[in-house]
PDB file of N, CA and C in Angstrom:
ATOM      1  N   UNK A   1       0.853  -1.122  -0.046  1.00  0.00           N
ATOM      2  CA  UNK A   1       0.057   0.029   0.018  1.00  0.00           C
ATOM      3  C   UNK A   1       0.910   1.232   0.011  1.00  0.00           C
ATOM      4  N   UNK A   2       0.533   2.232  -0.828  1.00  0.00           N
ATOM      5  CA  UNK A   2       1.243   3.421  -0.840  1.00  0.00           C
ATOM      6  C   UNK A   2       0.534   4.657  -0.107  1.00  0.00           C
ATOM      7  N   UNK A   3       1.248   5.432   0.570  1.00  0.00           N
ATOM      8  CA  UNK A   3       0.531   6.572   1.302  1.00  0.00           C
ATOM      9  C   UNK A   3       1.277   7.736   0.752  1.00  0.00           C
ATOM     10  N   UNK A   4       0.461   8.782   0.300  1.00  0.00           N
ATOM     11  CA  UNK A   4       1.020  10.043  -0.128  1.00  0.00           C
ATOM     12  C   UNK A   4       0.300  11.162   0.687  1.00  0.00           C
ATOM     13  N   UNK A   5       1.144  11.968   1.393  1.00  0.00           N
ATOM     14  CA  UNK A   5       0.618  13.029   2.137  1.00  0.00           C
ATOM     15  C   UNK A   5       0.560  14.283   1.314  1.00  0.00           C
ATOM     16  N   UNK A   6      -0.418  15.141   1.488  1.00  0.00           N
ATOM     17  CA  UNK A   6      -0.534  16.315   0.765  1.00  0.00           C
ATOM     18  C   UNK A   6       0.397  17.408   1.249  1.00  0.00           C
ATOM     19  N   UNK A   7       0.795  18.382   0.380  1.00  0.00           N
ATOM     20  CA  UNK A   7       1.559  19.525   0.788  1.00  0.00           C
ATOM     21  C   UNK A   7       0.725  20.737   1.093  1.00  0.00           C
ATOM     22  N   UNK A   8      -0.581  20.608   0.844  1.00  0.00           N
ATOM     23  CA  UNK A   8      -1.490  21.691   1.121  1.00  0.00           C
ATOM     24  C   UNK A   8      -1.692  22.642  -0.045  1.00  0.00           C
ATOM     25  N   UNK A   9      -0.932  22.367  -1.141  1.00  0.00           N
ATOM     26  CA  UNK A   9      -1.042  23.285  -2.307  1.00  0.00           C
ATOM     27  C   UNK A   9      -1.448  22.409  -3.499  1.00  0.00           C
ATOM     28  N   UNK A  10      -2.130  21.338  -3.373  1.00  0.00           N
ATOM     29  CA  UNK A  10      -2.537  20.504  -4.437  1.00  0.00           C
ATOM     30  C   UNK A  10      -1.528  19.508  -4.947  1.00  0.00           C
ATOM     31  N   UNK A  11      -0.371  19.511  -4.363  1.00  0.00           N
ATOM     32  CA  UNK A  11       0.670  18.529  -4.683  1.00  0.00           C
ATOM     33  C   UNK A  11       0.889  17.557  -3.576  1.00  0.00           C
ATOM     34  N   UNK A  12       1.640  16.489  -3.798  1.00  0.00           N
ATOM     35  CA  UNK A  12       1.881  15.509  -2.810  1.00  0.00           C
ATOM     36  C   UNK A  12       3.379  15.298  -2.556  1.00  0.00           C
ATOM     37  N   UNK A  13       3.734  14.850  -1.392  1.00  0.00           N
ATOM     38  CA  UNK A  13       4.991  14.373  -1.022  1.00  0.00           C
ATOM     39  C   UNK A  13       5.329  13.080  -1.683  1.00  0.00           C
ATOM     40  N   UNK A  14       6.484  12.678  -1.809  1.00  0.00           N
ATOM     41  CA  UNK A  14       6.851  11.319  -2.328  1.00  0.00           C
ATOM     42  C   UNK A  14       6.079  10.287  -1.650  1.00  0.00           C
ATOM     43  N   UNK A  15       5.733   9.143  -2.315  1.00  0.00           N
ATOM     44  CA  UNK A  15       4.962   8.112  -1.769  1.00  0.00           C
ATOM     45  C   UNK A  15       5.861   7.276  -0.710  1.00  0.00           C
ATOM     46  N   UNK A  16       5.199   6.764   0.230  1.00  0.00           N
ATOM     47  CA  UNK A  16       5.832   5.813   1.180  1.00  0.00           C
ATOM     48  C   UNK A  16       5.078   4.464   1.060  1.00  0.00           C
ATOM     49  N   UNK A  17       5.830   3.377   0.853  1.00  0.00           N
ATOM     50  CA  UNK A  17       5.115   2.093   0.648  1.00  0.00           C
ATOM     51  C   UNK A  17       5.157   1.252   1.937  1.00  0.00           C
ATOM     52  N   UNK A  18       4.032   0.601   2.229  1.00  0.00           N
ATOM     53  CA  UNK A  18       3.914  -0.221   3.395  1.00  0.00           C
ATOM     54  C   UNK A  18       3.335  -1.616   3.074  1.00  0.00           C
ATOM     55  N   UNK A  19       3.927  -2.591   3.679  1.00  0.00           N
ATOM     56  CA  UNK A  19       3.473  -3.922   3.368  1.00  0.00           C
ATOM     57  C   UNK A  19       2.221  -4.275   4.204  1.00  0.00           C
ATOM     58  N   UNK A  20       1.157  -4.692   3.599  1.00  0.00           N
ATOM     59  CA  UNK A  20      -0.039  -5.175   4.291  1.00  0.00           C
ATOM     60  C   UNK A  20      -0.403  -6.524   3.855  1.00  0.00           C
ATOM     61  N   UNK A  21      -1.590  -7.052   4.144  1.00  0.00           N
ATOM     62  CA  UNK A  21      -1.934  -8.379   3.786  1.00  0.00           C
ATOM     63  C   UNK A  21      -2.175  -8.541   2.298  1.00  0.00           C
ATOM     64  N   UNK A  22      -2.393  -9.713   1.829  1.00  0.00           N
ATOM     65  CA  UNK A  22      -2.617 -10.129   0.494  1.00  0.00           C
ATOM     66  C   UNK A  22      -3.894  -9.450  -0.158  1.00  0.00           C
ATOM     67  N   UNK A  23      -3.745  -8.672  -1.225  1.00  0.00           N
ATOM     68  CA  UNK A  23      -4.870  -8.123  -1.983  1.00  0.00           C
ATOM     69  C   UNK A  23      -5.782  -7.267  -1.089  1.00  0.00           C
ATOM     70  N   UNK A  24      -5.277  -6.148  -0.578  1.00  0.00           N
ATOM     71  CA  UNK A  24      -6.074  -5.234   0.223  1.00  0.00           C
ATOM     72  C   UNK A  24      -7.298  -4.752  -0.604  1.00  0.00           C
ATOM     73  N   UNK A  25      -8.417  -4.757  -0.097  1.00  0.00           N
ATOM     74  CA  UNK A  25      -9.623  -4.388  -0.825  1.00  0.00           C
ATOM     75  C   UNK A  25     -10.399  -3.084  -0.252  1.00  0.00           C
ATOM     76  N   UNK A  26      -9.958  -2.708   0.883  1.00  0.00           N
ATOM     77  CA  UNK A  26     -10.627  -1.530   1.506  1.00  0.00           C
ATOM     78  C   UNK A  26      -9.553  -0.955   2.503  1.00  0.00           C
ATOM     79  N   UNK A  27      -9.775   0.346   2.779  1.00  0.00           N
ATOM     80  CA  UNK A  27      -8.895   0.987   3.757  1.00  0.00           C
ATOM     81  C   UNK A  27      -9.791   1.966   4.597  1.00  0.00           C
ATOM     82  N   UNK A  28      -9.347   2.199   5.833  1.00  0.00           N
ATOM     83  CA  UNK A  28     -10.047   3.207   6.597  1.00  0.00           C
ATOM     84  C   UNK A  28      -9.018   3.913   7.543  1.00  0.00           C
ATOM     85  N   UNK A  29      -9.276   5.003   8.004  1.00  0.00           N
ATOM     86  CA  UNK A  29      -8.395   5.755   8.872  1.00  0.00           C
ATOM     87  C   UNK A  29      -9.229   6.051  10.142  1.00  0.00           C
ATOM     88  N   UNK A  30      -8.633   5.862  11.332  1.00  0.00           N
ATOM     89  CA  UNK A  30      -9.064   6.167  12.622  1.00  0.00           C
ATOM     90  C   UNK A  30      -7.960   6.196  13.624  1.00  0.00           C
ATOM     91  N   UNK A  31      -8.267   6.729  14.803  1.00  0.00           N
ATOM     92  CA  UNK A  31      -7.265   6.726  15.863  1.00  0.00           C
ATOM     93  C   UNK A  31      -7.425   5.460  16.658  1.00  0.00           C
ATOM     94  N   UNK A  32      -6.867   4.369  16.271  1.00  0.00           N
ATOM     95  CA  UNK A  32      -7.147   3.110  16.811  1.00  0.00           C
ATOM     96  C   UNK A  32      -6.491   2.862  18.205  1.00  0.00           C
ATOM     97  N   UNK A  33      -5.415   3.629  18.471  1.00  0.00           N
ATOM     98  CA  UNK A  33      -4.762   3.426  19.840  1.00  0.00           C
ATOM     99  C   UNK A  33      -4.859   4.553  20.711  1.00  0.00           C
ATOM    100  N   UNK A  34      -5.670   5.621  20.409  1.00  0.00           N
ATOM    101  CA  UNK A  34      -5.965   6.661  21.323  1.00  0.00           C
ATOM    102  C   UNK A  34      -4.920   7.661  21.549  1.00  0.00           C
ATOM    103  N   UNK A  35      -3.857   7.857  20.518  1.00  0.00           N
ATOM    104  CA  UNK A  35      -2.791   8.791  20.771  1.00  0.00           C
ATOM    105  C   UNK A  35      -3.008  10.070  20.138  1.00  0.00           C
ATOM    106  N   UNK A  36      -4.171  10.216  19.430  1.00  0.00           N
ATOM    107  CA  UNK A  36      -4.478  11.514  18.718  1.00  0.00           C
ATOM    108  C   UNK A  36      -4.034  11.534  17.235  1.00  0.00           C
ATOM    109  N   UNK A  37      -3.380  10.505  16.753  1.00  0.00           N
ATOM    110  CA  UNK A  37      -2.987  10.412  15.388  1.00  0.00           C
ATOM    111  C   UNK A  37      -3.753   9.478  14.595  1.00  0.00           C
ATOM    112  N   UNK A  38      -3.945   9.711  13.319  1.00  0.00           N
ATOM    113  CA  UNK A  38      -4.767   8.855  12.572  1.00  0.00           C
ATOM    114  C   UNK A  38      -3.977   7.610  12.107  1.00  0.00           C
ATOM    115  N   UNK A  39      -4.523   6.437  12.396  1.00  0.00           N
ATOM    116  CA  UNK A  39      -3.917   5.213  12.007  1.00  0.00           C
ATOM    117  C   UNK A  39      -4.614   4.617  10.794  1.00  0.00           C
ATOM    118  N   UNK A  40      -4.178   3.683  10.202  1.00  0.00           N
ATOM    119  CA  UNK A  40      -4.723   2.993   9.016  1.00  0.00           C
ATOM    120  C   UNK A  40      -5.052   1.593   9.250  1.00  0.00           C
ATOM    121  N   UNK A  41      -6.124   1.097   8.545  1.00  0.00           N
ATOM    122  CA  UNK A  41      -6.478  -0.354   8.608  1.00  0.00           C
ATOM    123  C   UNK A  41      -6.901  -0.694   7.247  1.00  0.00           C
ATOM    124  N   UNK A  42      -6.505  -1.946   6.766  1.00  0.00           N
ATOM    125  CA  UNK A  42      -6.959  -2.427   5.461  1.00  0.00           C
ATOM    126  C   UNK A  42      -7.689  -3.730   5.721  1.00  0.00           C
ATOM    127  N   UNK A  43      -8.591  -4.059   4.853  1.00  0.00           N
ATOM    128  CA  UNK A  43      -9.233  -5.414   4.781  1.00  0.00           C
ATOM    129  C   UNK A  43      -8.478  -6.152   3.656  1.00  0.00           C
ATOM    130  N   UNK A  44      -7.900  -7.292   3.866  1.00  0.00           N
ATOM    131  CA  UNK A  44      -7.053  -8.000   2.924  1.00  0.00           C
ATOM    132  C   UNK A  44      -7.877  -9.186   2.417  1.00  0.00           C
ATOM    133  N   UNK A  45      -8.442  -8.972   1.251  1.00  0.00           N
ATOM    134  CA  UNK A  45      -9.449  -9.840   0.679  1.00  0.00           C
ATOM    135  C   UNK A  45      -9.011 -11.324   0.581  1.00  0.00           C
ATOM    136  N   UNK A  46      -7.908 -11.646  -0.103  1.00  0.00           N
ATOM    137  CA  UNK A  46      -7.486 -13.088  -0.290  1.00  0.00           C
ATOM    138  C   UNK A  46      -6.911 -13.555   0.966  1.00  0.00           C
ATOM    139  N   UNK A  47      -6.174 -12.781   1.697  1.00  0.00           N
ATOM    140  CA  UNK A  47      -5.419 -13.190   2.894  1.00  0.00           C
ATOM    141  C   UNK A  47      -6.276 -13.442   4.125  1.00  0.00           C
ATOM    142  N   UNK A  48      -7.556 -12.890   4.085  1.00  0.00           N
ATOM    143  CA  UNK A  48      -8.488 -13.091   5.157  1.00  0.00           C
ATOM    144  C   UNK A  48      -8.003 -12.421   6.425  1.00  0.00           C
ATOM    145  N   UNK A  49      -7.331 -11.240   6.357  1.00  0.00           N
ATOM    146  CA  UNK A  49      -6.831 -10.638   7.472  1.00  0.00           C
ATOM    147  C   UNK A  49      -7.204  -9.128   7.422  1.00  0.00           C
ATOM    148  N   UNK A  50      -7.025  -8.483   8.518  1.00  0.00           N
ATOM    149  CA  UNK A  50      -7.113  -6.949   8.618  1.00  0.00           C
ATOM    150  C   UNK A  50      -5.693  -6.561   9.044  1.00  0.00           C
ATOM    151  N   UNK A  51      -5.110  -5.636   8.397  1.00  0.00           N
ATOM    152  CA  UNK A  51      -3.775  -5.064   8.741  1.00  0.00           C
ATOM    153  C   UNK A  51      -3.990  -3.693   9.289  1.00  0.00           C
ATOM    154  N   UNK A  52      -3.300  -3.385  10.479  1.00  0.00           N
ATOM    155  CA  UNK A  52      -3.430  -2.172  11.115  1.00  0.00           C
ATOM    156  C   UNK A  52      -2.003  -1.540  11.196  1.00  0.00           C
ATOM    157  N   UNK A  53      -1.884  -0.350  10.643  1.00  0.00           N
ATOM    158  CA  UNK A  53      -0.717   0.409  10.738  1.00  0.00           C
ATOM    159  C   UNK A  53      -0.909   1.636  11.669  1.00  0.00           C
ATOM    160  N   UNK A  54      -0.123   1.645  12.694  1.00  0.00           N
ATOM    161  CA  UNK A  54      -0.205   2.649  13.705  1.00  0.00           C
ATOM    162  C   UNK A  54       0.762   3.856  13.348  1.00  0.00           C
ATOM    163  N   UNK A  55       0.123   5.071  13.432  1.00  0.00           N
ATOM    164  CA  UNK A  55       0.825   6.289  13.093  1.00  0.00           C
ATOM    165  C   UNK A  55       1.853   6.542  14.122  1.00  0.00           C
ATOM    166  N   UNK A  56       3.139   6.854  13.655  1.00  0.00           N
ATOM    167  CA  UNK A  56       4.269   7.294  14.590  1.00  0.00           C
ATOM    168  C   UNK A  56       4.144   8.709  14.987  1.00  0.00           C
ATOM    169  N   UNK A  57       3.325   9.470  14.398  1.00  0.00           N
ATOM    170  CA  UNK A  57       3.124  10.889  14.816  1.00  0.00           C
ATOM    171  C   UNK A  57       4.009  11.811  14.005  1.00  0.00           C
ATOM    172  N   UNK A  58       4.850  11.265  13.076  1.00  0.00           N
ATOM    173  CA  UNK A  58       5.734  12.044  12.337  1.00  0.00           C
ATOM    174  C   UNK A  58       5.511  11.960  10.776  1.00  0.00           C
ATOM    175  N   UNK A  59       4.330  11.462  10.454  1.00  0.00           N
ATOM    176  CA  UNK A  59       4.011  11.282   9.005  1.00  0.00           C
ATOM    177  C   UNK A  59       4.456   9.932   8.529  1.00  0.00           C
ATOM    178  N   UNK A  60       4.802   8.996   9.325  1.00  0.00           N
ATOM    179  CA  UNK A  60       5.109   7.682   8.921  1.00  0.00           C
ATOM    180  C   UNK A  60       4.293   6.642   9.805  1.00  0.00           C
ATOM    181  N   UNK A  61       4.330   5.404   9.452  1.00  0.00           N
ATOM    182  CA  UNK A  61       3.552   4.379  10.143  1.00  0.00           C
ATOM    183  C   UNK A  61       4.410   3.287  10.556  1.00  0.00           C
ATOM    184  N   UNK A  62       4.144   2.599  11.598  1.00  0.00           N
ATOM    185  CA  UNK A  62       4.789   1.443  12.111  1.00  0.00           C
ATOM    186  C   UNK A  62       4.463   0.290  11.093  1.00  0.00           C
ATOM    187  N   UNK A  63       5.267  -0.774  10.982  1.00  0.00           N
ATOM    188  CA  UNK A  63       4.911  -1.872  10.207  1.00  0.00           C
ATOM    189  C   UNK A  63       3.582  -2.487  10.530  1.00  0.00           C
ATOM    190  N   UNK A  64       2.849  -2.986   9.624  1.00  0.00           N
ATOM    191  CA  UNK A  64       1.452  -3.508   9.776  1.00  0.00           C
ATOM    192  C   UNK A  64       1.403  -4.723  10.775  1.00  0.00           C
ATOM    193  N   UNK A  65       0.454  -4.689  11.675  1.00  0.00           N
ATOM    194  CA  UNK A  65       0.121  -5.810  12.390  1.00  0.00           C
ATOM    195  C   UNK A  65      -1.076  -6.459  11.737  1.00  0.00           C
ATOM    196  N   UNK A  66      -1.033  -7.779  11.615  1.00  0.00           N
ATOM    197  CA  UNK A  66      -2.235  -8.460  10.837  1.00  0.00           C
ATOM    198  C   UNK A  66      -3.086  -9.195  11.883  1.00  0.00           C
ATOM    199  N   UNK A  67      -4.232  -9.251  11.683  1.00  0.00           N
ATOM    200  CA  UNK A  67      -5.290  -9.993  12.496  1.00  0.00           C
ATOM    201  C   UNK A  67      -6.159 -10.784  11.635  1.00  0.00           C
ATOM    202  N   UNK A  68      -6.351 -12.009  12.050  1.00  0.00           N
ATOM    203  CA  UNK A  68      -7.313 -12.881  11.289  1.00  0.00           C
ATOM    204  C   UNK A  68      -8.737 -12.285  11.267  1.00  0.00           C
ATOM    205  N   UNK A  69      -9.348 -12.181  10.102  1.00  0.00           N
ATOM    206  CA  UNK A  69     -10.566 -11.523   9.919  1.00  0.00           C
ATOM    207  C   UNK A  69     -11.625 -12.384   9.221  1.00  0.00           C
ATOM    208  N   UNK A  70     -11.179 -13.536   8.658  1.00  0.00           N
ATOM    209  CA  UNK A  70     -12.084 -14.403   7.974  1.00  0.00           C
ATOM    210  C   UNK A  70     -11.689 -14.361   6.519  1.00  0.00           C
ATOM    211  N   UNK A  71     -12.272 -15.296   5.792  1.00  0.00           N
ATOM    212  CA  UNK A  71     -11.973 -15.486   4.356  1.00  0.00           C
ATOM    213  C   UNK A  71     -12.716 -14.377   3.506  1.00  0.00           C
ATOM    214  N   UNK A  72     -11.973 -13.799   2.522  1.00  0.00           N
ATOM    215  CA  UNK A  72     -12.477 -12.842   1.605  1.00  0.00           C
ATOM    216  C   UNK A  72     -12.994 -11.618   2.264  1.00  0.00           C
ATOM    217  N   UNK A  73     -12.216 -11.082   3.238  1.00  0.00           N
ATOM    218  CA  UNK A  73     -12.497  -9.847   3.793  1.00  0.00           C
ATOM    219  C   UNK A  73     -12.513  -8.682   2.848  1.00  0.00           C
ATOM    220  N   UNK A  74     -13.651  -7.972   2.764  1.00  0.00           N
ATOM    221  CA  UNK A  74     -13.844  -6.948   1.761  1.00  0.00           C
ATOM    222  C   UNK A  74     -14.053  -5.528   2.295  1.00  0.00           C
ATOM    223  N   UNK A  75     -14.484  -5.371   3.639  1.00  0.00           N
ATOM    224  CA  UNK A  75     -14.813  -4.081   4.035  1.00  0.00           C
ATOM    225  C   UNK A  75     -14.011  -3.714   5.315  1.00  0.00           C
ATOM    226  N   UNK A  76     -13.898  -2.419   5.585  1.00  0.00           N
ATOM    227  CA  UNK A  76     -13.356  -2.000   6.845  1.00  0.00           C
ATOM    228  C   UNK A  76     -14.358  -0.911   7.261  1.00  0.00           C
ATOM    229  N   UNK A  77     -14.295  -0.641   8.574  1.00  0.00           N
ATOM    230  CA  UNK A  77     -15.191   0.369   9.133  1.00  0.00           C
ATOM    231  C   UNK A  77     -14.407   1.102  10.212  1.00  0.00           C
ATOM    232  N   UNK A  78     -14.546   2.369  10.339  1.00  0.00           N
ATOM    233  CA  UNK A  78     -13.892   3.176  11.371  1.00  0.00           C
ATOM    234  C   UNK A  78     -14.738   3.053  12.615  1.00  0.00           C
ATOM    235  N   UNK A  79     -14.072   2.951  13.854  1.00  0.00           N
ATOM    236  CA  UNK A  79     -14.824   2.875  15.010  1.00  0.00           C
ATOM    237  C   UNK A  79     -15.449   4.235  15.401  1.00  0.00           C
ATOM    238  N   UNK A  80     -16.502   4.354  16.151  1.00  0.00           N
ATOM    239  CA  UNK A  80     -16.982   5.615  16.613  1.00  0.00           C
ATOM    240  C   UNK A  80     -15.942   6.253  17.458  1.00  0.00           C
ATOM    241  N   UNK A  81     -16.025   7.628  17.524  1.00  0.00           N
ATOM    242  CA  UNK A  81     -14.888   8.410  18.230  1.00  0.00           C
ATOM    243  C   UNK A  81     -14.598   7.935  19.609  1.00  0.00           C
ATOM    244  N   UNK A  82     -15.504   7.472  20.403  1.00  0.00           N
ATOM    245  CA  UNK A  82     -15.240   7.051  21.802  1.00  0.00           C
ATOM    246  C   UNK A  82     -14.762   5.546  21.905  1.00  0.00           C
ATOM    247  N   UNK A  83     -14.837   4.776  20.825  1.00  0.00           N
ATOM    248  CA  UNK A  83     -14.515   3.380  20.793  1.00  0.00           C
ATOM    249  C   UNK A  83     -13.154   3.159  21.307  1.00  0.00           C
ATOM    250  N   UNK A  84     -12.130   4.003  20.961  1.00  0.00           N
ATOM    251  CA  UNK A  84     -10.768   3.624  21.263  1.00  0.00           C
ATOM    252  C   UNK A  84     -10.361   4.151  22.664  1.00  0.00           C
ATOM    253  N   UNK A  85     -11.181   4.344  23.544  1.00  0.00           N
ATOM    254  CA  UNK A  85     -10.809   4.720  24.908  1.00  0.00           C
ATOM    255  C   UNK A  85     -10.906   3.597  25.774  1.00  0.00           C
ATOM    256  N   UNK A  86      -9.843   3.343  26.461  1.00  0.00           N
ATOM    257  CA  UNK A  86      -9.838   2.181  27.460  1.00  0.00           C
ATOM    258  C   UNK A  86      -9.369   0.948  26.876  1.00  0.00           C
ATOM    259  N   UNK A  87     -10.036  -0.143  27.156  1.00  0.00           N
ATOM    260  CA  UNK A  87      -9.587  -1.510  26.842  1.00  0.00           C
ATOM    261  C   UNK A  87      -9.674  -1.869  25.414  1.00  0.00           C
ATOM    262  N   UNK A  88     -10.307  -1.105  24.539  1.00  0.00           N
ATOM    263  CA  UNK A  88     -10.467  -1.513  23.168  1.00  0.00           C
ATOM    264  C   UNK A  88      -9.432  -0.976  22.306  1.00  0.00           C
ATOM    265  N   UNK A  89      -8.356  -0.422  22.778  1.00  0.00           N
ATOM    266  CA  UNK A  89      -7.276   0.077  21.972  1.00  0.00           C
ATOM    267  C   UNK A  89      -6.408  -1.008  21.301  1.00  0.00           C
ATOM    268  N   UNK A  90      -5.831  -0.676  20.124  1.00  0.00           N
ATOM    269  CA  UNK A  90      -4.991  -1.476  19.435  1.00  0.00           C
ATOM    270  C   UNK A  90      -3.578  -1.153  19.872  1.00  0.00           C
ATOM    271  N   UNK A  91      -2.635  -2.077  20.110  1.00  0.00           N
ATOM    272  CA  UNK A  91      -1.283  -1.742  20.456  1.00  0.00           C
ATOM    273  C   UNK A  91      -0.354  -2.548  19.790  1.00  0.00           C
ATOM    274  N   UNK A  92       0.943  -2.150  19.629  1.00  0.00           N
ATOM    275  CA  UNK A  92       2.005  -2.932  18.993  1.00  0.00           C
ATOM    276  C   UNK A  92       3.198  -2.946  19.868  1.00  0.00           C
TER     277      UNK A  92
END
């Protein structure tokens, strides 16, 4: 998966590539670990996993952590804003 951050003027910074599960079919952004930075998650269709990339807070992401999600995973959903408080946080 490639991530391109905007410069704010209609152009983008160079892409950064991240390894996620096999054949990602959907992506979502949310603060999964409650640190105030937007993290990414993909649904990996053939691999049957969900990959979570936690934001380092500097415009880069940690390597993906993969979780079993079932066969032919096609969709992701962002949690509601209060979901990531307390015991429901993702950590690496």
